[in-house]
Amino acid sequence: MKDNKKTAKKEVVPSEEMVFSWANYKWMLIGVGAIVLGFLLMAGGGSTDPNVFNYEEIFSWRRISLAPFVVLVGFGLVGYSIFKKPKAQ
C-alpha cells in the first residue's frame, strides 16, 4: 500500500533582523575605501621611455612603505567590521 501522508512543508520566514548593523557597514565602507586609497598610492611610477629607469620614483617611500600600510589598515578595518557585535538595544 502507498502511504498517502502529505509531507509538511516548512515555511521559510525571512527575518526582519539584518546580519550586520549600519555601524558595521560604515566601518566596512571605510575599510574598502582605505584599500582603494592604498592601491591608488601604489600606482604610477612608469616611464614613457623603456630605456630609462627612474629608481627614485618607483622605489619611493610612498609606494614601498605608506601604500602597503594603508592597504593593511583597510583590511584590518574590514575584519573589524565583520567581527564587531552590534550594541544591544
N, C-alpha and C. Protein backbone atom coordinates (compact mmCIF):
# COMPACT_ATOMS: atom_id res chain seq x y z
N MET A 1 0.83 -1.18 0.00
CA MET A 1 0.00 0.00 0.00
C MET A 1 0.87 1.24 0.00
N LYS A 2 0.35 2.23 -0.64
CA LYS A 2 1.05 3.50 -0.67
C LYS A 2 0.66 4.34 0.52
N ASP A 3 1.63 5.07 1.01
CA ASP A 3 1.37 5.96 2.14
C ASP A 3 0.94 7.32 1.58
N ASN A 4 -0.27 7.70 1.85
CA ASN A 4 -0.82 8.93 1.29
C ASN A 4 -0.62 10.14 2.20
N LYS A 5 0.30 10.05 3.12
CA LYS A 5 0.55 11.18 4.00
C LYS A 5 1.28 12.27 3.23
N LYS A 6 0.81 13.46 3.39
CA LYS A 6 1.48 14.58 2.75
C LYS A 6 2.56 15.10 3.69
N THR A 7 3.70 15.36 3.12
CA THR A 7 4.78 15.89 3.95
C THR A 7 4.54 17.38 4.18
N ALA A 8 4.72 17.77 5.39
CA ALA A 8 4.50 19.18 5.75
C ALA A 8 5.70 19.99 5.27
N LYS A 9 5.41 21.05 4.56
CA LYS A 9 6.47 21.93 4.09
C LYS A 9 6.71 23.00 5.14
N LYS A 10 7.96 23.19 5.41
CA LYS A 10 8.31 24.23 6.37
C LYS A 10 8.39 25.56 5.63
N GLU A 11 7.72 26.55 6.17
CA GLU A 11 7.78 27.87 5.56
C GLU A 11 9.03 28.59 6.06
N VAL A 12 9.70 29.19 5.14
CA VAL A 12 10.87 29.97 5.49
C VAL A 12 10.42 31.41 5.65
N VAL A 13 10.48 31.88 6.87
CA VAL A 13 10.05 33.24 7.16
C VAL A 13 11.29 34.12 7.21
N PRO A 14 11.36 35.12 6.33
CA PRO A 14 12.54 35.97 6.38
C PRO A 14 12.59 36.77 7.67
N SER A 15 13.76 36.85 8.21
CA SER A 15 13.95 37.57 9.46
C SER A 15 14.01 39.06 9.18
N GLU A 16 13.44 39.83 10.05
CA GLU A 16 13.48 41.29 9.92
C GLU A 16 14.84 41.84 10.33
N GLU A 17 15.62 41.03 11.01
CA GLU A 17 16.89 41.46 11.54
C GLU A 17 17.99 41.30 10.49
N MET A 18 18.83 42.34 10.36
CA MET A 18 19.95 42.29 9.42
C MET A 18 21.12 41.58 10.08
N VAL A 19 21.97 41.00 9.26
CA VAL A 19 23.14 40.29 9.79
C VAL A 19 24.10 41.28 10.44
N PHE A 20 24.34 42.41 9.77
CA PHE A 20 25.22 43.44 10.29
C PHE A 20 24.40 44.69 10.59
N SER A 21 24.88 45.47 11.53
CA SER A 21 24.23 46.75 11.81
C SER A 21 24.79 47.79 10.84
N TRP A 22 24.18 48.98 10.87
CA TRP A 22 24.66 50.04 9.97
C TRP A 22 26.07 50.47 10.34
N ALA A 23 26.41 50.37 11.60
CA ALA A 23 27.77 50.71 12.03
C ALA A 23 28.78 49.75 11.38
N ASN A 24 28.42 48.47 11.28
CA ASN A 24 29.31 47.50 10.64
C ASN A 24 29.53 47.87 9.17
N TYR A 25 28.45 48.23 8.49
CA TYR A 25 28.57 48.60 7.08
C TYR A 25 29.39 49.88 6.91
N LYS A 26 29.24 50.81 7.85
CA LYS A 26 30.03 52.05 7.79
C LYS A 26 31.51 51.73 7.90
N TRP A 27 31.89 50.90 8.88
CA TRP A 27 33.29 50.52 9.04
C TRP A 27 33.80 49.74 7.84
N MET A 28 32.93 48.91 7.25
CA MET A 28 33.32 48.13 6.08
C MET A 28 33.61 49.06 4.90
N LEU A 29 32.77 50.06 4.69
CA LEU A 29 33.00 51.00 3.59
C LEU A 29 34.26 51.83 3.82
N ILE A 30 34.51 52.22 5.05
CA ILE A 30 35.74 52.95 5.36
C ILE A 30 36.96 52.06 5.06
N GLY A 31 36.89 50.78 5.42
CA GLY A 31 37.99 49.85 5.15
C GLY A 31 38.21 49.64 3.66
N VAL A 32 37.13 49.49 2.91
CA VAL A 32 37.26 49.32 1.45
C VAL A 32 37.84 50.59 0.83
N GLY A 33 37.42 51.74 1.34
CA GLY A 33 37.99 53.00 0.85
C GLY A 33 39.47 53.09 1.13
N ALA A 34 39.91 52.63 2.30
CA ALA A 34 41.34 52.64 2.63
C ALA A 34 42.11 51.69 1.72
N ILE A 35 41.53 50.55 1.40
CA ILE A 35 42.19 49.60 0.49
C ILE A 35 42.36 50.23 -0.89
N VAL A 36 41.30 50.85 -1.38
CA VAL A 36 41.37 51.50 -2.70
C VAL A 36 42.40 52.63 -2.68
N LEU A 37 42.40 53.43 -1.61
CA LEU A 37 43.38 54.51 -1.49
C LEU A 37 44.81 53.95 -1.50
N GLY A 38 45.04 52.86 -0.80
CA GLY A 38 46.37 52.25 -0.78
C GLY A 38 46.82 51.79 -2.15
N PHE A 39 45.91 51.19 -2.90
CA PHE A 39 46.29 50.76 -4.25
C PHE A 39 46.50 51.95 -5.18
N LEU A 40 45.75 53.03 -4.98
CA LEU A 40 45.99 54.23 -5.78
C LEU A 40 47.34 54.85 -5.44
N LEU A 41 47.74 54.77 -4.17
CA LEU A 41 49.06 55.28 -3.79
C LEU A 41 50.19 54.45 -4.41
N MET A 42 49.95 53.18 -4.68
CA MET A 42 50.96 52.33 -5.29
C MET A 42 51.08 52.54 -6.79
N ALA A 43 50.05 53.10 -7.40
CA ALA A 43 50.00 53.22 -8.87
C ALA A 43 51.01 54.24 -9.37
N GLY A 44 51.34 54.13 -10.64
CA GLY A 44 52.21 55.10 -11.30
C GLY A 44 53.66 54.71 -11.23
N GLY A 45 54.51 55.67 -11.56
CA GLY A 45 55.95 55.45 -11.49
C GLY A 45 56.54 54.90 -12.77
N GLY A 46 55.70 54.72 -13.77
CA GLY A 46 56.22 54.19 -15.03
C GLY A 46 56.90 55.27 -15.85
N SER A 47 57.60 54.85 -16.87
CA SER A 47 58.31 55.77 -17.73
C SER A 47 57.82 55.57 -19.17
N THR A 48 57.77 56.66 -19.92
CA THR A 48 57.38 56.54 -21.32
C THR A 48 58.51 56.00 -22.17
N ASP A 49 59.73 56.17 -21.73
CA ASP A 49 60.90 55.67 -22.45
C ASP A 49 61.35 54.35 -21.80
N PRO A 50 61.33 53.25 -22.55
CA PRO A 50 61.71 51.96 -21.95
C PRO A 50 63.20 51.88 -21.60
N ASN A 51 64.02 52.79 -22.10
CA ASN A 51 65.45 52.77 -21.80
C ASN A 51 65.79 53.52 -20.52
N VAL A 52 64.80 54.18 -19.91
CA VAL A 52 65.05 54.98 -18.72
C VAL A 52 64.39 54.29 -17.53
N PHE A 53 65.18 54.09 -16.46
CA PHE A 53 64.65 53.50 -15.23
C PHE A 53 64.78 54.54 -14.13
N ASN A 54 63.65 55.01 -13.64
CA ASN A 54 63.64 56.04 -12.61
C ASN A 54 63.52 55.36 -11.25
N TYR A 55 64.68 55.11 -10.66
CA TYR A 55 64.74 54.40 -9.38
C TYR A 55 64.03 55.17 -8.27
N GLU A 56 64.23 56.47 -8.21
CA GLU A 56 63.66 57.29 -7.13
C GLU A 56 62.13 57.28 -7.15
N GLU A 57 61.54 57.26 -8.31
CA GLU A 57 60.08 57.30 -8.38
C GLU A 57 59.45 55.94 -8.10
N ILE A 58 60.03 54.90 -8.61
CA ILE A 58 59.45 53.57 -8.42
C ILE A 58 59.63 53.09 -6.98
N PHE A 59 60.78 53.31 -6.40
CA PHE A 59 61.05 52.84 -5.04
C PHE A 59 60.92 53.98 -4.03
N SER A 60 59.92 54.81 -4.20
CA SER A 60 59.72 55.92 -3.27
C SER A 60 59.09 55.41 -1.98
N TRP A 61 59.20 56.22 -0.93
CA TRP A 61 58.65 55.86 0.38
C TRP A 61 57.14 55.65 0.29
N ARG A 62 56.49 56.43 -0.54
CA ARG A 62 55.04 56.32 -0.69
C ARG A 62 54.64 54.94 -1.22
N ARG A 63 55.33 54.44 -2.21
CA ARG A 63 54.97 53.15 -2.83
C ARG A 63 55.45 51.95 -2.03
N ILE A 64 56.57 52.08 -1.34
CA ILE A 64 57.16 50.94 -0.64
C ILE A 64 56.65 50.81 0.79
N SER A 65 56.38 51.92 1.48
CA SER A 65 56.01 51.86 2.89
C SER A 65 54.58 52.30 3.17
N LEU A 66 54.23 53.48 2.68
CA LEU A 66 52.93 54.06 3.03
C LEU A 66 51.77 53.29 2.42
N ALA A 67 51.82 53.00 1.14
CA ALA A 67 50.70 52.33 0.46
C ALA A 67 50.40 50.94 1.02
N PRO A 68 51.40 50.06 1.23
CA PRO A 68 51.08 48.77 1.83
C PRO A 68 50.52 48.89 3.24
N PHE A 69 50.99 49.88 4.01
CA PHE A 69 50.46 50.10 5.36
C PHE A 69 48.99 50.51 5.30
N VAL A 70 48.64 51.39 4.37
CA VAL A 70 47.25 51.83 4.22
C VAL A 70 46.37 50.66 3.80
N VAL A 71 46.85 49.80 2.91
CA VAL A 71 46.08 48.62 2.49
C VAL A 71 45.86 47.67 3.67
N LEU A 72 46.90 47.43 4.46
CA LEU A 72 46.75 46.54 5.62
C LEU A 72 45.79 47.13 6.67
N VAL A 73 45.84 48.44 6.87
CA VAL A 73 44.89 49.08 7.77
C VAL A 73 43.47 48.90 7.23
N GLY A 74 43.30 49.01 5.92
CA GLY A 74 41.98 48.80 5.31
C GLY A 74 41.47 47.39 5.53
N PHE A 75 42.34 46.40 5.35
CA PHE A 75 41.92 45.02 5.60
C PHE A 75 41.60 44.80 7.07
N GLY A 76 42.35 45.45 7.95
CA GLY A 76 42.06 45.36 9.38
C GLY A 76 40.69 45.96 9.72
N LEU A 77 40.37 47.09 9.10
CA LEU A 77 39.06 47.72 9.33
C LEU A 77 37.92 46.85 8.81
N VAL A 78 38.12 46.21 7.67
CA VAL A 78 37.09 45.31 7.15
C VAL A 78 36.91 44.13 8.09
N GLY A 79 38.01 43.56 8.59
CA GLY A 79 37.91 42.46 9.56
C GLY A 79 37.22 42.90 10.84
N TYR A 80 37.54 44.10 11.30
CA TYR A 80 36.89 44.64 12.50
C TYR A 80 35.38 44.79 12.26
N SER A 81 35.01 45.27 11.08
CA SER A 81 33.59 45.47 10.80
C SER A 81 32.83 44.14 10.75
N ILE A 82 33.49 43.08 10.37
CA ILE A 82 32.83 41.77 10.32
C ILE A 82 32.62 41.22 11.72
N PHE A 83 33.62 41.37 12.59
CA PHE A 83 33.54 40.77 13.92
C PHE A 83 32.90 41.68 14.98
N LYS A 84 32.65 42.93 14.64
CA LYS A 84 32.08 43.88 15.61
C LYS A 84 30.64 43.47 15.90
N LYS A 85 30.33 43.35 17.18
CA LYS A 85 28.96 42.99 17.58
C LYS A 85 28.13 44.25 17.70
N PRO A 86 26.89 44.21 17.23
CA PRO A 86 26.04 45.40 17.36
C PRO A 86 25.68 45.64 18.82
N LYS A 87 25.46 46.90 19.15
CA LYS A 87 25.10 47.25 20.51
C LYS A 87 23.70 46.75 20.82
N ALA A 88 23.49 46.26 22.03
CA ALA A 88 22.18 45.79 22.46
C ALA A 88 21.26 46.99 22.67
N GLN A 89 20.04 46.84 22.21
CA GLN A 89 19.09 47.95 22.33
C GLN A 89 18.08 47.68 23.40
